[in-house]
Protein backbone atom coordinates (compact mmCIF):
# COMPACT_ATOMS: atom_id res chain seq x y z
CA MET A 1 -29.25 -31.69 -15.39
CA ALA A 2 -32.62 -30.56 -17.19
CA MET A 3 -32.57 -27.12 -19.12
CA PRO A 4 -35.28 -24.66 -18.45
CA LYS A 5 -37.81 -24.65 -21.67
CA SER A 6 -37.34 -21.39 -23.77
CA LEU A 7 -39.29 -18.36 -22.83
CA THR A 8 -40.48 -14.83 -24.09
CA MET A 9 -40.42 -12.02 -21.34
CA GLY A 10 -41.62 -8.79 -23.38
CA ARG A 11 -39.09 -8.79 -26.23
CA ILE A 12 -36.33 -10.50 -24.46
CA ALA A 13 -36.16 -14.64 -24.98
CA VAL A 14 -34.37 -16.72 -22.81
CA ALA A 15 -32.13 -19.36 -24.26
CA LYS A 16 -33.53 -22.86 -23.56
CA PHE A 17 -29.45 -24.21 -24.12
CA ALA A 18 -26.38 -23.35 -22.32
CA ILE A 19 -22.96 -22.35 -23.02
CA GLY A 20 -20.87 -25.53 -23.38
CA GLN A 21 -24.05 -27.84 -23.93
CA VAL A 22 -23.79 -30.69 -26.40
CA ILE A 23 -26.60 -30.32 -28.89
CA ARG A 24 -27.87 -31.90 -31.91
CA HIS A 25 -29.54 -30.75 -35.30
CA ARG A 26 -33.24 -31.91 -35.70
CA SER A 27 -32.75 -32.01 -39.73
CA TYR A 28 -29.16 -32.61 -40.19
CA ASN A 29 -26.93 -35.22 -38.64
CA ILE A 30 -24.86 -32.50 -37.09
CA ARG A 31 -23.68 -32.31 -33.54
CA GLY A 32 -21.92 -29.52 -31.66
CA MET A 33 -21.10 -27.57 -28.59
CA VAL A 34 -22.93 -23.95 -27.81
CA PHE A 35 -20.16 -21.50 -27.73
CA ASP A 36 -22.52 -18.14 -27.76
CA VAL A 37 -26.14 -17.31 -27.94
CA ASP A 38 -27.65 -14.32 -29.21
CA PRO A 39 -31.46 -13.62 -27.94
CA HIS A 40 -32.71 -13.08 -31.56
CA TYR A 41 -30.87 -13.22 -34.99
CA THR A 42 -28.31 -10.76 -35.37
CA GLU A 43 -26.33 -11.87 -38.29
CA THR A 44 -26.42 -9.84 -41.83
CA GLU A 45 -27.84 -10.99 -44.91
CA PHE A 46 -24.20 -12.19 -46.18
CA THR A 47 -23.47 -14.27 -43.24
CA HIS A 48 -27.36 -15.74 -43.46
CA ALA A 49 -26.65 -16.98 -46.85
CA MET A 50 -23.27 -18.44 -45.99
CA LEU A 51 -24.21 -20.33 -43.05
CA LEU A 52 -27.51 -21.57 -44.62
CA VAL A 53 -29.98 -20.61 -41.75
CA ASP A 54 -33.69 -21.16 -43.27
CA PRO A 55 -35.04 -17.66 -44.06
CA GLN A 56 -38.40 -19.07 -43.02
CA GLN A 57 -37.51 -19.23 -39.72
CA ARG A 58 -38.77 -16.79 -37.03
CA ARG A 59 -35.66 -14.23 -36.22
CA ASP A 60 -37.23 -13.64 -32.75
CA GLN A 61 -35.96 -16.96 -31.05
CA PRO A 62 -32.24 -17.41 -29.55
CA PHE A 63 -29.79 -18.23 -32.41
CA TYR A 64 -26.91 -20.19 -31.04
CA TYR A 65 -23.27 -19.98 -32.31
CA LEU A 66 -21.91 -23.90 -32.40
CA PHE A 67 -18.70 -25.49 -32.53
CA ALA A 68 -20.03 -28.13 -35.07
CA ASP A 69 -18.69 -31.86 -35.38
CA HIS A 70 -19.29 -33.35 -38.37
CA GLU A 71 -17.93 -35.92 -40.23
CA GLN A 72 -16.12 -34.34 -43.30
CA THR A 73 -14.82 -30.99 -41.55
CA PRO A 74 -15.59 -29.00 -38.29
CA PHE A 75 -16.89 -25.53 -38.69
CA VAL A 76 -18.82 -22.82 -37.05
CA ALA A 77 -22.74 -22.76 -37.20
CA TYR A 78 -25.22 -20.46 -36.30
CA VAL A 79 -28.37 -21.77 -35.71
CA SER A 80 -31.89 -21.42 -34.37
CA GLU A 81 -32.94 -22.47 -31.32
CA GLN A 82 -36.70 -24.42 -32.91
CA SER A 83 -33.69 -26.53 -35.09
CA LEU A 84 -31.70 -27.88 -31.94
CA GLU A 85 -32.52 -30.67 -29.43
CA PRO A 86 -30.40 -31.68 -26.64
CA ASP A 87 -27.56 -34.47 -27.41
CA SER A 88 -27.62 -37.43 -25.18
CA SER A 89 -25.04 -39.66 -26.62
CA ASN A 90 -22.45 -38.40 -24.30
CA GLU A 91 -19.51 -38.52 -27.00
CA PRO A 92 -17.25 -35.67 -27.16
CA ILE A 93 -17.34 -33.16 -29.57
CA GLN A 94 -14.39 -33.09 -32.46
CA HIS A 95 -13.90 -29.68 -33.11
CA PRO A 96 -10.29 -27.89 -33.07
CA ASN A 97 -11.43 -24.79 -31.17
CA VAL A 98 -12.81 -26.86 -28.53
CA GLU A 99 -10.16 -27.90 -26.42
CA ALA A 100 -8.62 -24.29 -26.63
CA MET A 101 -11.79 -22.74 -25.07
CA PHE A 102 -13.27 -25.47 -23.07
CA VAL A 103 -12.75 -28.52 -20.40
CA ARG A 104 -14.56 -31.58 -20.82
CA ASP A 105 -15.37 -33.10 -16.94
CA ASP A 106 -15.90 -36.65 -15.73
CA CYS A 107 -19.59 -36.18 -16.64
CA GLY A 108 -19.23 -34.88 -20.27
CA VAL A 109 -20.14 -31.41 -19.32
CA TYR A 110 -17.68 -28.41 -21.35
CA ARG A 111 -16.91 -25.69 -19.15
CA TRP A 112 -14.86 -22.39 -20.07
CA ARG A 113 -11.50 -23.29 -19.49
CA GLY A 114 -11.36 -19.96 -17.17
CA GLN A 115 -9.14 -17.70 -19.20
CA VAL A 116 -10.72 -14.88 -21.69
CA MET A 117 -9.32 -15.75 -25.22
CA ASN A 118 -9.56 -13.14 -28.35
């Protein structure tokens, strides 16, 4: 399934990646699954520094919350769209929160489990 290119319509950004999509960071060896998206940067400067978002990146692009699958320890990341690309490995994401919120189908696509969780 092809994903639409990122578009900007006025001041509203349209996300390139979908909830449940597995992506890869362009610079770091990190894979993750999108579980939320902001149309533009909305984190505080404190969180920004903690999550190591490059301060030189445009803030008017979509930013994604990811369940990051990292060899040492899984974590939640907040990453700009320009830093991400689709992952074609078809490998499952190893993060403890994924199974609680999503189910992976036979095609490797993650979908909400159908229940709202706090």
